[in-house]
Amino acid sequence: QVIVISHLPQIAAFADRHYKINKTVVNGQTET
């Protein structure tokens, strides 16, 4: 089982499962 953090689409496109992580602001606090 392989888990990879990547900035390159050519790597992410090979994945069987894909998660996107981004920041949001909730009630004035930054959250992932």
PDB file of all heavy atoms in Angstrom:
ATOM      1  N   GLN A   1       0.870  -1.168   0.000  1.00  0.00           N
ATOM      2  CA  GLN A   1       0.000   0.000   0.000  1.00  0.00           C
ATOM      3  C   GLN A   1       0.916   1.230   0.000  1.00  0.00           C
ATOM      4  O   GLN A   1       1.810   1.346   0.840  1.00  0.00           O
ATOM      5  CB  GLN A   1      -0.882   0.007   1.250  1.00  0.00           C
ATOM      6  CG  GLN A   1      -1.842   1.183   1.314  1.00  0.00           C
ATOM      7  CD  GLN A   1      -2.570   1.229   2.642  1.00  0.00           C
ATOM      8  OE1 GLN A   1      -1.958   1.023   3.692  1.00  0.00           O
ATOM      9  NE2 GLN A   1      -3.864   1.499   2.617  1.00  0.00           N
ATOM     10  N   VAL A   2       0.713   2.146  -0.957  1.00  0.00           N
ATOM     11  CA  VAL A   2       1.595   3.300  -1.100  1.00  0.00           C
ATOM     12  C   VAL A   2       0.785   4.581  -0.982  1.00  0.00           C
ATOM     13  O   VAL A   2      -0.275   4.718  -1.609  1.00  0.00           O
ATOM     14  CB  VAL A   2       2.346   3.278  -2.454  1.00  0.00           C
ATOM     15  CG1 VAL A   2       3.228   4.520  -2.597  1.00  0.00           C
ATOM     16  CG2 VAL A   2       3.193   2.012  -2.567  1.00  0.00           C
ATOM     17  N   ILE A   3       1.283   5.512  -0.162  1.00  0.00           N
ATOM     18  CA  ILE A   3       0.678   6.840  -0.003  1.00  0.00           C
ATOM     19  C   ILE A   3       1.743   7.864  -0.363  1.00  0.00           C
ATOM     20  O   ILE A   3       2.862   7.806   0.148  1.00  0.00           O
ATOM     21  CB  ILE A   3       0.191   7.062   1.444  1.00  0.00           C
ATOM     22  CG1 ILE A   3      -0.842   5.994   1.826  1.00  0.00           C
ATOM     23  CG2 ILE A   3      -0.394   8.461   1.614  1.00  0.00           C
ATOM     24  CD1 ILE A   3      -1.181   5.967   3.309  1.00  0.00           C
ATOM     25  N   VAL A   4       1.391   8.817  -1.254  1.00  0.00           N
ATOM     26  CA  VAL A   4       2.387   9.767  -1.724  1.00  0.00           C
ATOM     27  C   VAL A   4       1.822  11.180  -1.662  1.00  0.00           C
ATOM     28  O   VAL A   4       0.665  11.426  -2.023  1.00  0.00           O
ATOM     29  CB  VAL A   4       2.856   9.435  -3.160  1.00  0.00           C
ATOM     30  CG1 VAL A   4       1.710   9.434  -4.127  1.00  0.00           C
ATOM     31  CG2 VAL A   4       3.935  10.400  -3.620  1.00  0.00           C
ATOM     32  N   ILE A   5       2.634  12.123  -1.170  1.00  0.00           N
ATOM     33  CA  ILE A   5       2.327  13.550  -1.263  1.00  0.00           C
ATOM     34  C   ILE A   5       3.054  14.081  -2.484  1.00  0.00           C
ATOM     35  O   ILE A   5       4.271  13.926  -2.603  1.00  0.00           O
ATOM     36  CB  ILE A   5       2.771  14.301   0.001  1.00  0.00           C
ATOM     37  CG1 ILE A   5       1.894  13.911   1.189  1.00  0.00           C
ATOM     38  CG2 ILE A   5       2.712  15.803  -0.212  1.00  0.00           C
ATOM     39  CD1 ILE A   5       2.278  14.584   2.485  1.00  0.00           C
ATOM     40  N   SER A   6       2.308  14.723  -3.386  1.00  0.00           N
ATOM     41  CA  SER A   6       2.928  15.149  -4.637  1.00  0.00           C
ATOM     42  C   SER A   6       2.358  16.490  -5.098  1.00  0.00           C
ATOM     43  O   SER A   6       1.196  16.817  -4.836  1.00  0.00           O
ATOM     44  CB  SER A   6       2.706  14.093  -5.729  1.00  0.00           C
ATOM     45  OG  SER A   6       3.281  14.517  -6.949  1.00  0.00           O
ATOM     46  N   HIS A   7       3.215  17.247  -5.802  1.00  0.00           N
ATOM     47  CA  HIS A   7       2.786  18.489  -6.449  1.00  0.00           C
ATOM     48  C   HIS A   7       2.661  18.308  -7.957  1.00  0.00           C
ATOM     49  O   HIS A   7       2.277  19.252  -8.647  1.00  0.00           O
ATOM     50  CB  HIS A   7       3.805  19.602  -6.167  1.00  0.00           C
ATOM     51  CG  HIS A   7       3.860  20.005  -4.724  1.00  0.00           C
ATOM     52  ND1 HIS A   7       2.896  20.784  -4.132  1.00  0.00           N
ATOM     53  CD2 HIS A   7       4.770  19.728  -3.758  1.00  0.00           C
ATOM     54  CE1 HIS A   7       3.215  20.984  -2.862  1.00  0.00           C
ATOM     55  NE2 HIS A   7       4.336  20.351  -2.616  1.00  0.00           N
ATOM     56  N   LEU A   8       2.986  17.131  -8.457  1.00  0.00           N
ATOM     57  CA  LEU A   8       3.024  16.922  -9.893  1.00  0.00           C
ATOM     58  C   LEU A   8       1.823  16.105 -10.357  1.00  0.00           C
ATOM     59  O   LEU A   8       1.545  15.019  -9.825  1.00  0.00           O
ATOM     60  CB  LEU A   8       4.318  16.208 -10.300  1.00  0.00           C
ATOM     61  CG  LEU A   8       5.604  17.006 -10.043  1.00  0.00           C
ATOM     62  CD1 LEU A   8       6.815  16.179 -10.424  1.00  0.00           C
ATOM     63  CD2 LEU A   8       5.595  18.317 -10.813  1.00  0.00           C
ATOM     64  N   PRO A   9       1.101  16.587 -11.352  1.00  0.00           N
ATOM     65  CA  PRO A   9      -0.088  15.859 -11.832  1.00  0.00           C
ATOM     66  C   PRO A   9       0.260  14.517 -12.451  1.00  0.00           C
ATOM     67  O   PRO A   9      -0.540  13.582 -12.404  1.00  0.00           O
ATOM     68  CB  PRO A   9      -0.697  16.822 -12.860  1.00  0.00           C
ATOM     69  CG  PRO A   9       0.449  17.690 -13.304  1.00  0.00           C
ATOM     70  CD  PRO A   9       1.321  17.841 -12.104  1.00  0.00           C
ATOM     71  N   GLN A  10       1.452  14.414 -13.070  1.00  0.00           N
ATOM     72  CA  GLN A  10       1.830  13.145 -13.692  1.00  0.00           C
ATOM     73  C   GLN A  10       1.936  12.018 -12.665  1.00  0.00           C
ATOM     74  O   GLN A  10       1.739  10.850 -13.004  1.00  0.00           O
ATOM     75  CB  GLN A  10       3.168  13.305 -14.431  1.00  0.00           C
ATOM     76  CG  GLN A  10       3.123  14.231 -15.620  1.00  0.00           C
ATOM     77  CD  GLN A  10       3.383  15.686 -15.243  1.00  0.00           C
ATOM     78  OE1 GLN A  10       3.343  16.032 -14.060  1.00  0.00           O
ATOM     79  NE2 GLN A  10       3.646  16.519 -16.241  1.00  0.00           N
ATOM     80  N   ILE A  11       2.279  12.365 -11.421  1.00  0.00           N
ATOM     81  CA  ILE A  11       2.346  11.357 -10.347  1.00  0.00           C
ATOM     82  C   ILE A  11       0.951  11.106  -9.792  1.00  0.00           C
ATOM     83  O   ILE A  11       0.517   9.958  -9.628  1.00  0.00           O
ATOM     84  CB  ILE A  11       3.316  11.807  -9.254  1.00  0.00           C
ATOM     85  CG1 ILE A  11       4.747  11.824  -9.796  1.00  0.00           C
ATOM     86  CG2 ILE A  11       3.214  10.890  -8.027  1.00  0.00           C
ATOM     87  CD1 ILE A  11       5.784  12.327  -8.808  1.00  0.00           C
ATOM     88  N   ALA A  12       0.218  12.192  -9.496  1.00  0.00           N
ATOM     89  CA  ALA A  12      -1.115  12.041  -8.912  1.00  0.00           C
ATOM     90  C   ALA A  12      -2.056  11.285  -9.845  1.00  0.00           C
ATOM     91  O   ALA A  12      -2.958  10.562  -9.392  1.00  0.00           O
ATOM     92  CB  ALA A  12      -1.688  13.415  -8.580  1.00  0.00           C
ATOM     93  N   ALA A  13      -1.840  11.430 -11.155  1.00  0.00           N
ATOM     94  CA  ALA A  13      -2.738  10.772 -12.105  1.00  0.00           C
ATOM     95  C   ALA A  13      -2.617   9.262 -12.066  1.00  0.00           C
ATOM     96  O   ALA A  13      -3.517   8.545 -12.520  1.00  0.00           O
ATOM     97  CB  ALA A  13      -2.458  11.293 -13.519  1.00  0.00           C
ATOM     98  N   PHE A  14      -1.509   8.731 -11.557  1.00  0.00           N
ATOM     99  CA  PHE A  14      -1.343   7.283 -11.445  1.00  0.00           C
ATOM    100  C   PHE A  14      -2.126   6.705 -10.269  1.00  0.00           C
ATOM    101  O   PHE A  14      -2.273   5.496 -10.141  1.00  0.00           O
ATOM    102  CB  PHE A  14       0.138   6.938 -11.271  1.00  0.00           C
ATOM    103  CG  PHE A  14       0.857   6.627 -12.545  1.00  0.00           C
ATOM    104  CD1 PHE A  14       1.653   7.575 -13.159  1.00  0.00           C
ATOM    105  CD2 PHE A  14       0.728   5.384 -13.149  1.00  0.00           C
ATOM    106  CE1 PHE A  14       2.327   7.292 -14.340  1.00  0.00           C
ATOM    107  CE2 PHE A  14       1.386   5.087 -14.333  1.00  0.00           C
ATOM    108  CZ  PHE A  14       2.190   6.048 -14.934  1.00  0.00           C
ATOM    109  N   ALA A  15      -2.613   7.555  -9.369  1.00  0.00           N
ATOM    110  CA  ALA A  15      -3.178   7.090  -8.104  1.00  0.00           C
ATOM    111  C   ALA A  15      -4.487   6.340  -8.303  1.00  0.00           C
ATOM    112  O   ALA A  15      -5.285   6.660  -9.189  1.00  0.00           O
ATOM    113  CB  ALA A  15      -3.394   8.260  -7.164  1.00  0.00           C
ATOM    114  N   ASP A  16      -4.701   5.362  -7.443  1.00  0.00           N
ATOM    115  CA  ASP A  16      -5.983   4.655  -7.399  1.00  0.00           C
ATOM    116  C   ASP A  16      -6.988   5.412  -6.539  1.00  0.00           C
ATOM    117  O   ASP A  16      -8.196   5.203  -6.654  1.00  0.00           O
ATOM    118  CB  ASP A  16      -5.785   3.248  -6.825  1.00  0.00           C
ATOM    119  CG  ASP A  16      -4.778   2.446  -7.623  1.00  0.00           C
ATOM    120  OD1 ASP A  16      -5.046   2.205  -8.811  1.00  0.00           O
ATOM    121  OD2 ASP A  16      -3.722   2.090  -7.070  1.00  0.00           O
ATOM    122  N   ARG A  17      -6.479   6.266  -5.644  1.00  0.00           N
ATOM    123  CA  ARG A  17      -7.328   7.060  -4.753  1.00  0.00           C
ATOM    124  C   ARG A  17      -6.659   8.426  -4.603  1.00  0.00           C
ATOM    125  O   ARG A  17      -5.440   8.501  -4.438  1.00  0.00           O
ATOM    126  CB  ARG A  17      -7.458   6.349  -3.392  1.00  0.00           C
ATOM    127  CG  ARG A  17      -8.395   7.029  -2.404  1.00  0.00           C
ATOM    128  CD  ARG A  17      -8.460   6.203  -1.127  1.00  0.00           C
ATOM    129  NE  ARG A  17      -9.092   4.918  -1.381  1.00  0.00           N
ATOM    130  CZ  ARG A  17     -10.312   4.590  -1.002  1.00  0.00           C
ATOM    131  NH1 ARG A  17     -11.050   5.463  -0.340  1.00  0.00           N
ATOM    132  NH2 ARG A  17     -10.816   3.406  -1.263  1.00  0.00           N
ATOM    133  N   HIS A  18      -7.457   9.488  -4.635  1.00  0.00           N
ATOM    134  CA  HIS A  18      -6.898  10.841  -4.687  1.00  0.00           C
ATOM    135  C   HIS A  18      -7.600  11.726  -3.650  1.00  0.00           C
ATOM    136  O   HIS A  18      -8.825  11.825  -3.634  1.00  0.00           O
ATOM    137  CB  HIS A  18      -7.093  11.422  -6.096  1.00  0.00           C
ATOM    138  CG  HIS A  18      -6.355  12.697  -6.343  1.00  0.00           C
ATOM    139  ND1 HIS A  18      -6.049  13.157  -7.602  1.00  0.00           N
ATOM    140  CD2 HIS A  18      -5.866  13.640  -5.502  1.00  0.00           C
ATOM    141  CE1 HIS A  18      -5.400  14.302  -7.514  1.00  0.00           C
ATOM    142  NE2 HIS A  18      -5.296  14.620  -6.248  1.00  0.00           N
ATOM    143  N   TYR A  19      -6.794  12.378  -2.792  1.00  0.00           N
ATOM    144  CA  TYR A  19      -7.319  13.337  -1.826  1.00  0.00           C
ATOM    145  C   TYR A  19      -6.728  14.711  -2.110  1.00  0.00           C
ATOM    146  O   TYR A  19      -5.527  14.846  -2.382  1.00  0.00           O
ATOM    147  CB  TYR A  19      -6.958  12.946  -0.389  1.00  0.00           C
ATOM    148  CG  TYR A  19      -7.798  11.837   0.186  1.00  0.00           C
ATOM    149  CD1 TYR A  19      -7.299  10.545   0.275  1.00  0.00           C
ATOM    150  CD2 TYR A  19      -9.085  12.081   0.652  1.00  0.00           C
ATOM    151  CE1 TYR A  19      -8.060   9.517   0.812  1.00  0.00           C
ATOM    152  CE2 TYR A  19      -9.857  11.066   1.187  1.00  0.00           C
ATOM    153  CZ  TYR A  19      -9.339   9.787   1.273  1.00  0.00           C
ATOM    154  OH  TYR A  19     -10.098   8.776   1.799  1.00  0.00           O
ATOM    155  N   LYS A  20      -7.558  15.724  -2.015  1.00  0.00           N
ATOM    156  CA  LYS A  20      -7.095  17.107  -2.120  1.00  0.00           C
ATOM    157  C   LYS A  20      -7.146  17.752  -0.743  1.00  0.00           C
ATOM    158  O   LYS A  20      -8.173  17.667  -0.049  1.00  0.00           O
ATOM    159  CB  LYS A  20      -7.971  17.898  -3.092  1.00  0.00           C
ATOM    160  CG  LYS A  20      -7.560  19.364  -3.212  1.00  0.00           C
ATOM    161  CD  LYS A  20      -8.509  20.129  -4.127  1.00  0.00           C
ATOM    162  CE  LYS A  20      -8.130  21.610  -4.191  1.00  0.00           C
ATOM    163  NZ  LYS A  20      -9.064  22.388  -5.044  1.00  0.00           N
ATOM    164  N   ILE A  21      -6.049  18.390  -0.361  1.00  0.00           N
ATOM    165  CA  ILE A  21      -5.963  19.064   0.929  1.00  0.00           C
ATOM    166  C   ILE A  21      -5.887  20.565   0.671  1.00  0.00           C
ATOM    167  O   ILE A  21      -5.065  21.026  -0.131  1.00  0.00           O
ATOM    168  CB  ILE A  21      -4.729  18.609   1.732  1.00  0.00           C
ATOM    169  CG1 ILE A  21      -4.870  17.120   2.128  1.00  0.00           C
ATOM    170  CG2 ILE A  21      -4.563  19.424   2.993  1.00  0.00           C
ATOM    171  CD1 ILE A  21      -4.298  16.171   1.158  1.00  0.00           C
ATOM    172  N   ASN A  22      -6.774  21.335   1.322  1.00  0.00           N
ATOM    173  CA  ASN A  22      -6.725  22.778   1.182  1.00  0.00           C
ATOM    174  C   ASN A  22      -7.087  23.450   2.504  1.00  0.00           C
ATOM    175  O   ASN A  22      -7.630  22.811   3.409  1.00  0.00           O
ATOM    176  CB  ASN A  22      -7.656  23.253   0.058  1.00  0.00           C
ATOM    177  CG  ASN A  22      -9.109  22.944   0.365  1.00  0.00           C
ATOM    178  OD1 ASN A  22      -9.511  21.791   0.398  1.00  0.00           O
ATOM    179  ND2 ASN A  22      -9.907  23.978   0.607  1.00  0.00           N
ATOM    180  N   LYS A  23      -6.756  24.734   2.605  1.00  0.00           N
ATOM    181  CA  LYS A  23      -7.029  25.505   3.814  1.00  0.00           C
ATOM    182  C   LYS A  23      -8.324  26.292   3.644  1.00  0.00           C
ATOM    183  O   LYS A  23      -8.610  26.815   2.576  1.00  0.00           O
ATOM    184  CB  LYS A  23      -5.880  26.464   4.116  1.00  0.00           C
ATOM    185  CG  LYS A  23      -4.616  25.800   4.595  1.00  0.00           C
ATOM    186  CD  LYS A  23      -3.591  26.793   5.093  1.00  0.00           C
ATOM    187  CE  LYS A  23      -3.097  27.700   3.978  1.00  0.00           C
ATOM    188  NZ  LYS A  23      -1.969  28.554   4.431  1.00  0.00           N
ATOM    189  N   THR A  24      -9.085  26.357   4.743  1.00  0.00           N
ATOM    190  CA  THR A  24     -10.287  27.186   4.787  1.00  0.00           C
ATOM    191  C   THR A  24     -10.251  28.001   6.073  1.00  0.00           C
ATOM    192  O   THR A  24      -9.488  27.694   7.005  1.00  0.00           O
ATOM    193  CB  THR A  24     -11.564  26.323   4.756  1.00  0.00           C
ATOM    194  OG1 THR A  24     -11.569  25.460   5.913  1.00  0.00           O
ATOM    195  CG2 THR A  24     -11.632  25.478   3.505  1.00  0.00           C
ATOM    196  N   VAL A  25     -11.064  29.028   6.140  1.00  0.00           N
ATOM    197  CA  VAL A  25     -11.184  29.850   7.354  1.00  0.00           C
ATOM    198  C   VAL A  25     -12.583  29.669   7.901  1.00  0.00           C
ATOM    199  O   VAL A  25     -13.578  29.957   7.212  1.00  0.00           O
ATOM    200  CB  VAL A  25     -10.888  31.332   7.064  1.00  0.00           C
ATOM    201  CG1 VAL A  25     -11.078  32.158   8.344  1.00  0.00           C
ATOM    202  CG2 VAL A  25      -9.478  31.504   6.524  1.00  0.00           C
ATOM    203  N   VAL A  26     -12.683  29.174   9.132  1.00  0.00           N
ATOM    204  CA  VAL A  26     -13.956  28.923   9.792  1.00  0.00           C
ATOM    205  C   VAL A  26     -13.969  29.702  11.098  1.00  0.00           C
ATOM    206  O   VAL A  26     -13.110  29.487  11.966  1.00  0.00           O
ATOM    207  CB  VAL A  26     -14.168  27.413  10.055  1.00  0.00           C
ATOM    208  CG1 VAL A  26     -15.504  27.191  10.763  1.00  0.00           C
ATOM    209  CG2 VAL A  26     -14.112  26.633   8.752  1.00  0.00           C
ATOM    210  N   ASN A  27     -14.932  30.602  11.230  1.00  0.00           N
ATOM    211  CA  ASN A  27     -15.051  31.429  12.434  1.00  0.00           C
ATOM    212  C   ASN A  27     -13.725  32.121  12.778  1.00  0.00           C
ATOM    213  O   ASN A  27     -13.295  32.174  13.935  1.00  0.00           O
ATOM    214  CB  ASN A  27     -15.511  30.579  13.623  1.00  0.00           C
ATOM    215  CG  ASN A  27     -16.889  29.990  13.416  1.00  0.00           C
ATOM    216  OD1 ASN A  27     -17.749  30.625  12.786  1.00  0.00           O
ATOM    217  ND2 ASN A  27     -17.104  28.776  13.916  1.00  0.00           N
ATOM    218  N   GLY A  28     -13.070  32.606  11.742  1.00  0.00           N
ATOM    219  CA  GLY A  28     -11.846  33.358  11.955  1.00  0.00           C
ATOM    220  C   GLY A  28     -10.616  32.509  12.193  1.00  0.00           C
ATOM    221  O   GLY A  28      -9.531  33.054  12.438  1.00  0.00           O
ATOM    222  N   GLN A  29     -10.728  31.189  12.126  1.00  0.00           N
ATOM    223  CA  GLN A  29      -9.592  30.301  12.349  1.00  0.00           C
ATOM    224  C   GLN A  29      -9.311  29.479  11.101  1.00  0.00           C
ATOM    225  O   GLN A  29     -10.239  29.010  10.427  1.00  0.00           O
ATOM    226  CB  GLN A  29      -9.849  29.357  13.528  1.00  0.00           C
ATOM    227  CG  GLN A  29      -9.754  30.028  14.888  1.00  0.00           C
ATOM    228  CD  GLN A  29      -9.745  28.998  15.995  1.00  0.00           C
ATOM    229  OE1 GLN A  29     -10.500  28.025  15.967  1.00  0.00           O
ATOM    230  NE2 GLN A  29      -8.884  29.190  16.988  1.00  0.00           N
ATOM    231  N   THR A  30      -8.000  29.307  10.811  1.00  0.00           N
ATOM    232  CA  THR A  30      -7.595  28.525   9.647  1.00  0.00           C
ATOM    233  C   THR A  30      -7.717  27.029   9.955  1.00  0.00           C
ATOM    234  O   THR A  30      -7.287  26.565  11.010  1.00  0.00           O
ATOM    235  CB  THR A  30      -6.145  28.855   9.261  1.00  0.00           C
ATOM    236  OG1 THR A  30      -6.049  30.249   8.986  1.00  0.00           O
ATOM    237  CG2 THR A  30      -5.722  28.057   8.040  1.00  0.00           C
ATOM    238  N   GLU A  31      -8.314  26.313   9.011  1.00  0.00           N
ATOM    239  CA  GLU A  31      -8.477  24.875   9.182  1.00  0.00           C
ATOM    240  C   GLU A  31      -8.087  24.165   7.891  1.00  0.00           C
ATOM    241  O   GLU A  31      -8.210  24.724   6.794  1.00  0.00           O
ATOM    242  CB  GLU A  31      -9.926  24.503   9.533  1.00  0.00           C
ATOM    243  CG  GLU A  31     -10.379  24.987  10.886  1.00  0.00           C
ATOM    244  CD  GLU A  31     -11.788  24.516  11.205  1.00  0.00           C
ATOM    245  OE1 GLU A  31     -12.361  23.755  10.377  1.00  0.00           O
ATOM    246  OE2 GLU A  31     -12.316  24.904  12.262  1.00  0.00           O
ATOM    247  N   THR A  32      -7.628  22.933   8.044  1.00  0.00           N
ATOM    248  CA  THR A  32      -7.339  22.072   6.899  1.00  0.00           C
ATOM    249  C   THR A  32      -8.573  21.238   6.566  1.00  0.00           C
ATOM    250  O   THR A  32      -9.182  20.638   7.457  1.00  0.00           O
ATOM    251  CB  THR A  32      -6.150  21.150   7.190  1.00  0.00           C
ATOM    252  OG1 THR A  32      -4.959  21.932   7.291  1.00  0.00           O
ATOM    253  CG2 THR A  32      -5.963  20.127   6.082  1.00  0.00           C
TER     254      THR A  32
END
